[in-house]
Amino acid sequence: MPTLSAIRVHPVKSLDPEPVESVRLTDSGAIESDRRYAVFDADGEYVNGKHERRVHRIRSAYDFERGTLRLREQGSDEWDAFDLDADRKDLDAWLSEFFGYDVTVRRDDEQGYPDDTSAGGPTLVSTGTLDAVATWFDGESGRPAIDAAELRRRFRPNLVVDAPAFWEDRLYADRDSTVPFSVGGVEFAGVNPCQRCVVPTRDPTTGEADDGFRQRFVERRRATLPERVDRDWYDHFYRLMVNTRVPDAPAALSVGDRVERDRDPATESA
């Protein structure tokens, strides 16, 4: 039986994740504290990995009890600590100096700042998938090898399920349907295979481009996509993980929860 093996929360969008043993889901279905904060430029645009590769060089650590965020630049041993609310001006100043232009940090307590606002529940992938994809980048042809741990940092899932490779591909259907499943008895709806951006193609520590990553990924994803998968979503093959909604929210999840796909194969309208 598949079980929830890891939960990772990203308190600040695009910064480092925090592993936790349990989480609460808000009324919207989002993980409480996940991407609750985000960085914006003067034009109100996200300062995130899609648009600013230097964000990869920021190391962060978040204390959930105290609400404090520690930051340092990759290669430095010196941390600066901020209360994410009381020290907001100082935090904005640190980030503005790092990026070289004015930025501000904003907060959203209900849904946070997900990439897919129509499916704002946790993203999900299996351990088997991470292991399988790692074999696509095994160091052949002079390329540096990428292991499952690094892939998890590149793809940034919220939930990792101990299950076979591409098990999560059974958790979505066509563009007009969702697939019901449960985590620890909490009802979920699988919506779509997550469309990836430029972020996974970069070294997650330095932000350096990994030439050929996307092409290799697309080639292997196309070749290994399970036969049971509805191709309706696959206008391209740069997709991995599942985006979800949580109609059962508010709720709570914990590592070790059982993950079950409904036995009834019928889907519901999206």
Protein backbone atom coordinates (compact mmCIF):
# COMPACT_ATOMS: atom_id res chain seq x y z
CA MET A 1 0.00 0.00 0.00
CA PRO A 2 1.50 3.40 -0.97
CA THR A 3 2.21 5.64 2.00
CA LEU A 4 3.18 9.26 2.43
CA SER A 5 6.94 9.17 3.01
CA ALA A 6 7.82 12.88 3.05
CA ILE A 7 6.20 16.29 3.35
CA ARG A 8 8.09 19.39 2.27
CA VAL A 9 6.91 22.93 2.87
CA HIS A 10 8.28 26.02 1.10
CA PRO A 11 7.52 28.92 3.49
CA VAL A 12 8.87 31.46 0.96
CA LYS A 13 8.18 30.79 -2.70
CA SER A 14 11.37 29.70 -4.54
CA LEU A 15 13.49 29.43 -1.39
CA ASP A 16 14.57 26.20 0.30
CA PRO A 17 11.95 23.70 1.51
CA GLU A 18 11.51 22.49 5.08
CA PRO A 19 10.79 18.81 5.81
CA VAL A 20 7.97 18.32 8.32
CA GLU A 21 6.18 15.34 9.84
CA SER A 22 2.65 16.74 9.59
CA VAL A 23 0.79 19.67 8.08
CA ARG A 24 -2.59 21.33 8.16
CA LEU A 25 -4.47 22.09 4.95
CA THR A 26 -6.34 25.40 4.81
CA ASP A 27 -9.89 25.86 3.55
CA SER A 28 -8.51 26.34 0.01
CA GLY A 29 -6.69 22.99 0.17
CA ALA A 30 -3.24 24.57 0.24
CA ILE A 31 -0.72 23.47 2.83
CA GLU A 32 -0.68 25.99 5.64
CA SER A 33 2.60 27.92 5.44
CA ASP A 34 3.50 26.59 1.98
CA ARG A 35 4.48 29.52 -0.24
CA ARG A 36 2.73 31.78 2.27
CA TYR A 37 5.31 34.41 1.40
CA ALA A 38 6.65 35.45 -1.99
CA VAL A 39 9.11 38.03 -3.28
CA PHE A 40 7.96 40.68 -5.77
CA ASP A 41 9.76 43.33 -7.80
CA ALA A 42 8.71 46.96 -8.20
CA ASP A 43 6.34 46.01 -11.04
CA GLY A 44 4.54 43.46 -8.88
CA GLU A 45 6.07 40.47 -10.70
CA TYR A 46 7.37 37.40 -8.90
CA VAL A 47 11.07 37.28 -8.17
CA ASN A 48 11.33 33.50 -8.42
CA GLY A 49 13.35 30.79 -10.07
CA LYS A 50 11.53 31.20 -13.38
CA HIS A 51 12.66 34.80 -13.79
CA GLU A 52 15.72 35.19 -11.54
CA ARG A 53 18.35 32.45 -11.50
CA ARG A 54 20.23 34.12 -8.62
CA VAL A 55 17.47 32.99 -6.26
CA HIS A 56 19.07 29.51 -6.39
CA ARG A 57 22.09 30.90 -4.53
CA ILE A 58 20.07 31.86 -1.47
CA ARG A 59 20.11 29.32 1.34
CA SER A 60 17.22 29.61 3.77
CA ALA A 61 16.01 27.98 6.98
CA TYR A 62 12.63 28.63 8.57
CA ASP A 63 11.61 28.20 12.21
CA PHE A 64 7.87 27.46 12.24
CA GLU A 65 7.44 28.06 15.98
CA ARG A 66 9.15 31.44 16.01
CA GLY A 67 8.23 32.57 12.51
CA THR A 68 11.85 33.46 11.78
CA LEU A 69 13.68 33.09 8.49
CA ARG A 70 17.45 32.75 8.26
CA LEU A 71 19.24 33.61 5.02
CA ARG A 72 22.76 33.36 3.66
CA GLU A 73 24.35 33.38 0.25
CA GLN A 74 25.68 30.08 -1.07
CA GLY A 75 29.34 29.81 -0.06
CA SER A 76 28.96 31.98 3.04
CA ASP A 77 28.76 30.59 6.58
CA GLU A 78 27.11 33.71 8.02
CA TRP A 79 23.35 33.69 8.51
CA ASP A 80 21.09 36.71 8.93
CA ALA A 81 17.82 36.15 10.80
CA PHE A 82 14.49 37.93 10.32
CA ASP A 83 11.06 37.78 11.87
CA LEU A 84 9.04 37.45 8.67
CA ASP A 85 6.51 40.02 9.85
CA ALA A 86 8.19 42.30 12.40
CA ASP A 87 11.43 42.57 10.41
CA ARG A 88 9.88 42.85 6.95
CA LYS A 89 11.70 46.09 6.03
CA ASP A 90 15.06 44.61 6.99
CA LEU A 91 14.24 41.44 5.04
CA ASP A 92 13.26 43.48 1.99
CA ALA A 93 16.54 45.40 2.28
CA TRP A 94 18.62 42.17 2.49
CA LEU A 95 16.95 40.72 -0.58
CA SER A 96 17.11 44.01 -2.50
CA GLU A 97 20.85 44.22 -1.88
CA PHE A 98 21.32 40.59 -2.92
CA PHE A 99 19.40 40.96 -6.20
CA GLY A 100 20.59 44.49 -6.95
CA TYR A 101 17.09 45.98 -7.33
CA ASP A 102 14.14 46.79 -5.09
CA VAL A 103 12.01 43.87 -3.97
CA THR A 104 9.33 43.34 -1.33
CA VAL A 105 8.01 40.29 0.48
CA ARG A 106 4.23 39.75 0.63
CA ARG A 107 2.08 37.33 2.60
CA ASP A 108 -1.09 35.37 1.75
CA ASP A 109 -2.47 33.23 4.58
CA GLU A 110 -5.22 31.39 2.72
CA GLN A 111 -3.91 30.00 -0.58
CA GLY A 112 -0.36 31.30 -0.58
CA TYR A 113 1.27 31.82 -3.96
CA PRO A 114 1.01 28.50 -5.91
CA ASP A 115 2.04 28.23 -9.56
CA ASP A 116 -1.30 26.65 -10.52
CA THR A 117 -4.06 28.70 -8.86
CA SER A 118 -6.78 26.44 -10.31
CA ALA A 119 -5.22 23.42 -8.57
CA GLY A 120 -3.72 24.90 -5.44
CA GLY A 121 -3.50 21.71 -3.39
CA PRO A 122 -0.19 19.94 -2.65
CA THR A 123 1.90 18.63 -5.52
CA LEU A 124 2.65 14.90 -5.38
CA VAL A 125 5.26 12.51 -6.80
CA SER A 126 6.40 8.98 -5.95
CA THR A 127 9.77 7.78 -4.69
CA GLY A 128 9.83 5.34 -7.60
CA THR A 129 9.45 8.16 -10.09
CA LEU A 130 12.36 10.12 -8.62
CA ASP A 131 14.52 6.98 -8.70
CA ALA A 132 13.50 6.19 -12.29
CA VAL A 133 14.10 9.70 -13.59
CA ALA A 134 17.53 9.72 -11.89
CA THR A 135 18.54 6.84 -14.19
CA TRP A 136 17.99 9.16 -17.15
CA PHE A 137 20.83 11.31 -15.81
CA ASP A 138 23.32 8.65 -14.73
CA GLY A 139 26.50 10.39 -15.85
CA GLU A 140 26.78 8.88 -19.31
CA SER A 141 28.22 10.94 -22.19
CA GLY A 142 30.21 13.07 -19.80
CA ARG A 143 27.16 14.61 -18.12
CA PRO A 144 27.20 14.94 -14.33
CA ALA A 145 25.01 12.36 -12.64
CA ILE A 146 21.83 13.52 -10.90
CA ASP A 147 20.44 11.43 -8.05
CA ALA A 148 16.90 11.24 -6.67
CA ALA A 149 17.67 13.68 -3.85
CA GLU A 150 18.78 16.34 -6.31
CA LEU A 151 15.76 15.72 -8.51
CA ARG A 152 13.53 16.34 -5.50
CA ARG A 153 15.27 19.69 -5.05
CA ARG A 154 14.83 20.52 -8.73
CA PHE A 155 11.15 19.55 -9.00
CA ARG A 156 10.15 20.75 -5.49
CA PRO A 157 7.19 18.45 -4.65
CA ASN A 158 5.12 18.93 -1.50
CA LEU A 159 4.25 15.26 -1.00
CA VAL A 160 6.43 12.25 -1.77
CA VAL A 161 4.66 8.89 -1.79
CA ASP A 162 6.47 5.59 -1.28
CA ALA A 163 5.18 3.93 -4.45
CA PRO A 164 6.42 2.50 -7.78
CA ALA A 165 7.70 4.61 -10.63
CA PHE A 166 5.06 6.84 -12.22
CA TRP A 167 2.39 5.63 -9.82
CA GLU A 168 1.09 9.20 -9.62
CA ASP A 169 0.30 9.14 -13.36
CA ARG A 170 -2.88 7.23 -12.48
CA LEU A 171 -4.12 10.21 -10.46
CA TYR A 172 -5.30 12.34 -13.38
CA ALA A 173 -7.50 11.76 -16.41
CA ASP A 174 -8.39 14.04 -19.32
CA ARG A 175 -8.81 17.82 -19.28
CA ASP A 176 -12.49 17.55 -18.36
CA SER A 177 -12.11 15.24 -15.38
CA THR A 178 -10.38 14.79 -12.05
CA VAL A 179 -9.44 11.55 -10.31
CA PRO A 180 -10.45 11.01 -6.66
CA PHE A 181 -7.93 9.58 -4.22
CA SER A 182 -7.22 9.93 -0.53
CA VAL A 183 -4.27 10.60 1.76
CA GLY A 184 -4.80 9.48 5.35
CA GLY A 185 -8.54 9.42 4.66
CA VAL A 186 -8.53 13.00 3.34
CA GLU A 187 -10.26 13.26 -0.04
CA PHE A 188 -8.12 14.65 -2.88
CA ALA A 189 -8.78 15.28 -6.56
CA GLY A 190 -5.93 14.72 -9.01
CA VAL A 191 -6.18 17.46 -11.63
CA ASN A 192 -3.28 17.38 -14.09
CA PRO A 193 0.34 16.38 -14.69
CA CYS A 194 2.41 19.37 -13.59
CA GLN A 195 3.83 21.41 -16.46
CA ARG A 196 7.46 22.19 -15.68
CA CYS A 197 9.32 25.47 -16.09
CA VAL A 198 13.01 26.33 -16.49
CA VAL A 199 13.78 25.71 -12.80
CA PRO A 200 14.44 21.92 -12.99
CA THR A 201 16.97 22.51 -15.79
CA ARG A 202 19.29 24.38 -13.40
CA ASP A 203 21.66 23.27 -10.68
CA PRO A 204 19.50 23.85 -7.56
CA THR A 205 22.47 25.20 -5.56
CA THR A 206 24.15 27.53 -8.05
CA GLY A 207 21.49 28.26 -10.67
CA GLU A 208 23.86 27.24 -13.45
CA ALA A 209 22.11 25.97 -16.59
CA ASP A 210 22.23 22.21 -17.13
CA ASP A 211 22.48 22.06 -20.90
CA GLY A 212 20.51 19.24 -22.41
CA PHE A 213 18.44 18.49 -19.30
CA ARG A 214 15.10 19.40 -20.82
CA GLN A 215 15.77 17.58 -24.10
CA ARG A 216 16.86 14.42 -22.30
CA PHE A 217 13.91 14.58 -19.94
CA VAL A 218 11.40 15.02 -22.77
CA GLU A 219 12.90 12.15 -24.77
CA ARG A 220 12.76 9.73 -21.85
CA ARG A 221 9.37 10.90 -20.60
CA ARG A 222 7.86 10.32 -24.03
CA ALA A 223 9.46 6.87 -24.25
CA THR A 224 8.40 5.73 -20.76
CA LEU A 225 4.99 7.34 -20.32
CA PRO A 226 2.73 4.53 -19.04
CA GLU A 227 0.26 3.16 -21.57
CA ARG A 228 -2.65 3.74 -19.18
CA VAL A 229 -2.08 7.53 -19.24
CA ASP A 230 -4.56 9.63 -21.20
CA ARG A 231 -2.44 11.57 -23.71
CA ASP A 232 -4.88 14.48 -23.69
CA TRP A 233 -2.55 16.50 -21.45
CA TYR A 234 0.59 15.72 -23.40
CA ASP A 235 0.84 18.49 -25.95
CA HIS A 236 4.46 18.26 -24.76
CA PHE A 237 6.25 15.82 -22.47
CA TYR A 238 7.91 18.26 -20.08
CA ARG A 239 5.50 17.29 -17.30
CA LEU A 240 6.06 15.51 -13.99
CA MET A 241 4.18 15.23 -10.66
CA VAL A 242 0.48 15.80 -10.11
CA ASN A 243 -1.34 19.00 -9.22
CA THR A 244 -4.29 18.52 -6.87
CA ARG A 245 -7.31 20.02 -5.20
CA VAL A 246 -8.53 19.03 -1.74
CA PRO A 247 -12.34 19.14 -1.51
CA ASP A 248 -12.06 17.63 2.00
CA ALA A 249 -10.14 20.65 3.37
CA PRO A 250 -9.54 21.89 5.96
CA ALA A 251 -7.74 18.75 7.05
CA ALA A 252 -4.40 17.41 8.26
CA LEU A 253 -1.78 15.07 6.79
CA SER A 254 1.10 13.16 8.39
CA VAL A 255 4.06 11.14 7.19
CA GLY A 256 3.00 7.49 7.18
CA ASP A 257 -0.55 8.19 5.97
CA ARG A 258 -1.91 5.66 3.48
CA VAL A 259 -2.45 6.92 -0.06
CA GLU A 260 -5.30 5.22 -1.91
CA ARG A 261 -6.82 5.71 -5.32
CA ASP A 262 -10.59 5.18 -5.28
CA ARG A 263 -11.51 1.72 -6.53
CA ASP A 264 -14.29 3.19 -8.64
CA PRO A 265 -12.56 4.22 -11.89
CA ALA A 266 -15.25 6.79 -12.65
CA THR A 267 -14.06 10.39 -12.61
CA GLU A 268 -15.83 13.55 -11.70
CA SER A 269 -16.27 16.75 -13.69
CA ALA A 270 -13.39 19.20 -13.32
